[in-house]
Amino acid sequence: MQANSKSAVSKNEKGSAWPAGPEAFPDLMTPVEAAMYLRLHETGRHTPKSAIRTLNFFRDRGWLRATKYARSVWYRKLELERFLENKTEE
């Protein structure tokens, strides 16, 4: 691999690595995938860990619903779209 080729990982200004985003987001996403779907990785202020805290903040206030099973938290694409619809200005 050439030294100047683009990495599969993006970094924010704090230097924390985000995984490569999927070409198409699945209907059921991990917290990191959900954060990327909401484009939190593009703000330059979030690391994957802080983005998960932000999603938890949204959940704690009832703004975003998650699915919990198998000892994990997952986000349905439908719920993320509903969240964005509610946040969209009229």
C-alpha atoms as a PDB file:
ATOM      1  CA  MET A   1       0.000   0.000   0.000  1.00  0.00           C
ATOM      2  CA  GLN A   2       1.346   3.414  -0.889  1.00  0.00           C
ATOM      3  CA  ALA A   3       2.114   5.888   1.877  1.00  0.00           C
ATOM      4  CA  ASN A   4      -0.124   8.574   0.395  1.00  0.00           C
ATOM      5  CA  SER A   5      -3.164   6.378  -0.179  1.00  0.00           C
ATOM      6  CA  LYS A   6      -6.324   7.134   1.764  1.00  0.00           C
ATOM      7  CA  SER A   7      -6.900   5.069   4.888  1.00  0.00           C
ATOM      8  CA  ALA A   8     -10.145   3.161   5.527  1.00  0.00           C
ATOM      9  CA  VAL A   9     -10.381   5.021   8.829  1.00  0.00           C
ATOM     10  CA  SER A  10     -11.245   8.689   9.260  1.00  0.00           C
ATOM     11  CA  LYS A  11      -9.911  10.746  12.146  1.00  0.00           C
ATOM     12  CA  ASN A  12     -11.340  13.830  13.771  1.00  0.00           C
ATOM     13  CA  GLU A  13      -9.257  16.725  15.059  1.00  0.00           C
ATOM     14  CA  LYS A  14      -8.743  14.876  18.368  1.00  0.00           C
ATOM     15  CA  GLY A  15      -7.141  12.022  16.408  1.00  0.00           C
ATOM     16  CA  SER A  16      -9.609   9.309  17.422  1.00  0.00           C
ATOM     17  CA  ALA A  17     -10.225   6.797  14.669  1.00  0.00           C
ATOM     18  CA  TRP A  18     -13.654   6.035  13.240  1.00  0.00           C
ATOM     19  CA  PRO A  19     -14.152   2.778  11.344  1.00  0.00           C
ATOM     20  CA  ALA A  20     -14.826   2.902   7.635  1.00  0.00           C
ATOM     21  CA  GLY A  21     -18.494   3.596   7.002  1.00  0.00           C
ATOM     22  CA  PRO A  22     -20.636   1.015   5.247  1.00  0.00           C
ATOM     23  CA  GLU A  23     -21.685   1.618   1.664  1.00  0.00           C
ATOM     24  CA  ALA A  24     -25.289   1.089   2.746  1.00  0.00           C
ATOM     25  CA  PHE A  25     -26.432   1.241   6.347  1.00  0.00           C
ATOM     26  CA  PRO A  26     -28.251  -1.875   7.611  1.00  0.00           C
ATOM     27  CA  ASP A  27     -31.737  -1.747   9.109  1.00  0.00           C
ATOM     28  CA  LEU A  28     -30.271  -2.593  12.520  1.00  0.00           C
ATOM     29  CA  MET A  29     -27.119  -0.693  13.502  1.00  0.00           C
ATOM     30  CA  THR A  30     -24.540  -0.745  16.227  1.00  0.00           C
ATOM     31  CA  PRO A  31     -24.163   2.495  18.208  1.00  0.00           C
ATOM     32  CA  VAL A  32     -21.102   3.502  16.158  1.00  0.00           C
ATOM     33  CA  GLU A  33     -22.932   2.825  12.879  1.00  0.00           C
ATOM     34  CA  ALA A  34     -25.917   4.820  14.172  1.00  0.00           C
ATOM     35  CA  ALA A  35     -23.632   7.731  15.057  1.00  0.00           C
ATOM     36  CA  MET A  36     -22.169   7.589  11.570  1.00  0.00           C
ATOM     37  CA  TYR A  37     -25.674   7.437  10.067  1.00  0.00           C
ATOM     38  CA  LEU A  38     -26.444  10.662  11.957  1.00  0.00           C
ATOM     39  CA  ARG A  39     -23.101  11.978  10.632  1.00  0.00           C
ATOM     40  CA  LEU A  40     -21.701  12.730  14.083  1.00  0.00           C
ATOM     41  CA  HIS A  41     -18.293  11.655  12.777  1.00  0.00           C
ATOM     42  CA  GLU A  42     -18.325  14.597  10.361  1.00  0.00           C
ATOM     43  CA  THR A  43     -18.688  17.279  13.038  1.00  0.00           C
ATOM     44  CA  GLY A  44     -15.035  17.033  14.086  1.00  0.00           C
ATOM     45  CA  ARG A  45     -16.098  17.157  17.735  1.00  0.00           C
ATOM     46  CA  HIS A  46     -16.936  13.515  18.316  1.00  0.00           C
ATOM     47  CA  THR A  47     -14.917  10.396  18.840  1.00  0.00           C
ATOM     48  CA  PRO A  48     -16.714   7.062  18.576  1.00  0.00           C
ATOM     49  CA  LYS A  49     -16.889   6.946  22.386  1.00  0.00           C
ATOM     50  CA  SER A  50     -18.292  10.479  22.751  1.00  0.00           C
ATOM     51  CA  ALA A  51     -20.795   9.824  19.952  1.00  0.00           C
ATOM     52  CA  ILE A  52     -22.153   6.847  21.903  1.00  0.00           C
ATOM     53  CA  ARG A  53     -22.544   9.135  24.930  1.00  0.00           C
ATOM     54  CA  THR A  54     -24.467  11.567  22.723  1.00  0.00           C
ATOM     55  CA  LEU A  55     -26.788   8.776  21.552  1.00  0.00           C
ATOM     56  CA  ASN A  56     -27.324   7.804  25.211  1.00  0.00           C
ATOM     57  CA  PHE A  57     -28.164  11.445  25.986  1.00  0.00           C
ATOM     58  CA  PHE A  58     -30.800  11.409  23.221  1.00  0.00           C
ATOM     59  CA  ARG A  59     -32.189   8.105  24.565  1.00  0.00           C
ATOM     60  CA  ASP A  60     -32.305   9.354  28.176  1.00  0.00           C
ATOM     61  CA  ARG A  61     -34.470  12.280  27.079  1.00  0.00           C
ATOM     62  CA  GLY A  62     -36.802  10.091  25.064  1.00  0.00           C
ATOM     63  CA  TRP A  63     -35.797  11.663  21.753  1.00  0.00           C
ATOM     64  CA  LEU A  64     -34.366   8.447  20.314  1.00  0.00           C
ATOM     65  CA  ARG A  65     -35.442   4.867  20.920  1.00  0.00           C
ATOM     66  CA  ALA A  66     -33.051   1.934  20.885  1.00  0.00           C
ATOM     67  CA  THR A  67     -33.517  -1.818  20.742  1.00  0.00           C
ATOM     68  CA  LYS A  68     -31.855  -3.828  23.491  1.00  0.00           C
ATOM     69  CA  TYR A  69     -31.195  -7.537  23.125  1.00  0.00           C
ATOM     70  CA  ALA A  70     -28.323  -9.986  23.482  1.00  0.00           C
ATOM     71  CA  ARG A  71     -26.804  -7.657  26.092  1.00  0.00           C
ATOM     72  CA  SER A  72     -26.327  -5.005  23.425  1.00  0.00           C
ATOM     73  CA  VAL A  73     -27.927  -1.778  22.272  1.00  0.00           C
ATOM     74  CA  TRP A  74     -28.928  -1.511  18.629  1.00  0.00           C
ATOM     75  CA  TYR A  75     -30.579   1.259  16.628  1.00  0.00           C
ATOM     76  CA  ARG A  76     -33.173   0.641  13.966  1.00  0.00           C
ATOM     77  CA  LYS A  77     -32.813   2.760  10.860  1.00  0.00           C
ATOM     78  CA  LEU A  78     -36.527   3.563  11.120  1.00  0.00           C
ATOM     79  CA  GLU A  79     -35.994   5.063  14.607  1.00  0.00           C
ATOM     80  CA  LEU A  80     -33.020   7.133  13.439  1.00  0.00           C
ATOM     81  CA  GLU A  81     -35.095   8.484  10.558  1.00  0.00           C
ATOM     82  CA  ARG A  82     -37.936   9.320  12.982  1.00  0.00           C
ATOM     83  CA  PHE A  83     -35.433  11.117  15.233  1.00  0.00           C
ATOM     84  CA  LEU A  84     -34.170  13.178  12.279  1.00  0.00           C
ATOM     85  CA  GLU A  85     -37.738  13.981  11.202  1.00  0.00           C
ATOM     86  CA  ASN A  86     -38.499  15.313  14.698  1.00  0.00           C
ATOM     87  CA  LYS A  87     -35.302  17.400  14.676  1.00  0.00           C
ATOM     88  CA  THR A  88     -35.985  18.878  11.235  1.00  0.00           C
ATOM     89  CA  GLU A  89     -37.085  22.497  11.342  1.00  0.00           C
ATOM     90  CA  GLU A  90     -40.360  23.454   9.747  1.00  0.00           C
END
